[in-house]
Protein backbone atom coordinates (compact mmCIF):
# COMPACT_ATOMS: atom_id res chain seq x y z
CA MET A 1 23.01 36.15 -61.00
CA SER A 2 22.54 38.50 -58.08
CA LYS A 3 25.18 39.06 -55.43
CA ASP A 4 25.11 40.28 -51.84
CA LEU A 5 25.99 43.86 -51.05
CA ASN A 6 29.62 44.11 -50.00
CA LYS A 7 30.77 45.85 -46.83
CA LEU A 8 31.43 49.19 -48.56
CA GLU A 9 28.09 49.23 -50.41
CA ARG A 10 26.17 48.36 -47.27
CA ALA A 11 28.02 51.04 -45.26
CA ILE A 12 27.31 53.72 -47.88
CA ILE A 13 23.64 52.83 -48.10
CA ASN A 14 23.35 52.82 -44.29
CA GLU A 15 25.05 56.24 -44.13
CA ILE A 16 22.65 57.63 -46.75
CA ILE A 17 19.67 56.14 -44.90
CA GLU A 18 20.79 57.63 -41.59
CA PHE A 19 21.40 61.09 -43.07
CA ASN A 20 18.06 61.15 -44.94
CA LYS A 21 15.82 59.26 -42.51
CA GLN A 22 13.69 62.24 -41.56
CA ASN A 23 12.65 63.06 -45.15
CA TYR A 24 12.91 59.57 -46.69
CA PRO A 25 12.24 56.99 -43.96
CA PHE A 26 10.96 54.39 -46.46
CA ILE A 27 14.45 53.61 -47.78
CA SER A 28 15.50 51.46 -44.83
CA LYS A 29 12.59 49.09 -45.44
CA HIS A 30 14.04 48.14 -48.83
CA ILE A 31 17.42 46.86 -47.61
CA PRO A 32 16.39 43.27 -46.69
CA TYR A 33 15.11 42.75 -50.26
CA LEU A 34 18.09 44.31 -52.05
CA SER A 35 20.92 42.54 -53.89
CA VAL A 36 23.48 43.55 -56.51
CA LYS A 37 22.45 42.88 -60.08
CA PHE A 38 25.88 43.90 -61.41
CA ARG A 39 28.78 46.27 -60.82
CA LYS A 40 30.29 48.40 -63.58
CA THR A 41 33.62 50.20 -63.18
CA THR A 42 34.22 53.33 -65.25
CA GLY A 43 37.92 54.00 -64.66
CA VAL A 44 37.20 56.85 -62.22
CA GLY A 45 34.27 55.30 -60.39
CA MET A 46 31.72 52.54 -60.26
CA TYR A 47 28.00 51.93 -60.65
CA VAL A 48 26.33 49.28 -58.51
CA TYR A 49 22.97 48.28 -59.97
CA PHE A 50 20.39 46.76 -57.62
CA GLU A 51 17.61 44.25 -57.94
CA TYR A 52 14.97 43.11 -55.51
CA SER A 53 14.42 39.57 -54.25
CA LYS A 54 11.23 37.76 -55.23
CA LYS A 55 9.74 38.78 -51.88
CA GLY A 56 10.72 42.38 -52.55
CA ILE A 57 9.77 42.57 -56.23
CA ASN A 58 6.20 43.44 -55.26
CA PHE A 59 7.30 45.51 -52.29
CA GLU A 60 4.60 48.02 -51.49
CA ILE A 61 5.89 51.46 -52.32
CA ASN A 62 4.08 54.35 -50.70
CA ASN A 63 6.42 56.96 -52.11
CA PHE A 64 7.08 57.14 -55.85
CA GLU A 65 10.11 59.39 -55.55
CA ASN A 66 12.62 59.91 -58.34
CA ILE A 67 15.60 61.34 -56.52
CA CYS A 68 19.33 61.04 -55.84
CA LEU A 69 20.48 61.03 -52.22
CA SER A 70 23.83 61.25 -50.47
CA SER A 71 25.04 62.39 -47.06
CA ASP A 72 27.23 65.13 -45.63
CA LYS A 73 30.06 62.76 -44.66
CA SER A 74 33.22 62.32 -46.69
CA LEU A 75 34.25 58.81 -47.70
CA LYS A 76 37.93 57.92 -47.72
CA LEU A 77 39.30 54.73 -49.30
CA ASP A 78 42.77 53.57 -48.31
CA ASN A 79 44.11 53.44 -51.88
CA LEU A 80 42.91 56.85 -53.07
CA LYS A 81 44.47 60.22 -52.30
CA TYR A 82 41.18 62.13 -52.28
CA ASP A 83 37.73 61.40 -50.89
CA ILE A 84 35.22 59.58 -53.06
CA ASN A 85 31.75 60.94 -53.90
CA TYR A 86 28.69 58.73 -53.60
CA GLU A 87 24.96 58.88 -54.17
CA ILE A 88 22.06 56.52 -54.51
CA ASN A 89 19.56 56.85 -57.33
CA ILE A 90 15.93 56.11 -56.51
CA SER A 91 13.55 55.61 -59.43
CA LYS A 92 9.81 55.33 -58.86
CA GLY A 93 10.42 54.74 -55.16
CA LYS A 94 12.87 51.85 -55.61
CA LEU A 95 16.63 51.86 -55.18
CA ASP A 96 18.04 51.70 -58.70
CA PHE A 97 21.80 52.14 -58.40
CA LEU A 98 24.65 53.46 -56.29
CA GLU A 99 27.19 55.72 -57.97
CA LEU A 100 30.74 56.12 -56.67
CA VAL A 101 33.05 58.70 -58.29
CA THR A 102 36.60 59.71 -57.50
CA ASN A 103 37.83 63.27 -57.76
CA GLY A 104 39.84 62.68 -60.92
CA GLU A 105 41.80 59.63 -59.78
CA SER A 106 41.87 56.36 -61.66
CA TRP A 107 40.14 53.62 -59.69
CA ASP A 108 39.36 49.99 -60.47
CA GLY A 109 36.84 49.56 -57.64
CA SER A 110 39.25 47.88 -55.25
CA TYR A 111 39.98 48.92 -51.67
CA LYS A 112 41.12 47.37 -48.39
CA THR A 113 39.72 49.80 -45.86
CA PHE A 114 37.41 52.80 -45.81
CA ASN A 115 36.03 55.32 -43.35
CA PHE A 116 33.53 58.16 -43.18
CA THR A 117 34.57 61.53 -41.74
């Protein structure tokens, strides 16, 4: 069962889109069709796997990129001492998953607040 993107996931994806819009403008067109297939915590991070809605499953892809993208902003979560690293994996032009990794801290995926700096 798919789930909506949460506030953090949406903010990270929007930050990545904004930072990479000149070289990868197609990414923003995918967002309305995107939902979370499942989330998997690793102990020091989390993977968020995406799926496309029925309308988006046949989404026309003009760019068959296989790439990982991030941004130059740091991401701080209220319950972690250090910033968290993030990137989105794009496979064959579609958003595959979002990876979040701490800098050596244990993390169960929870947070109350976050900000980019």
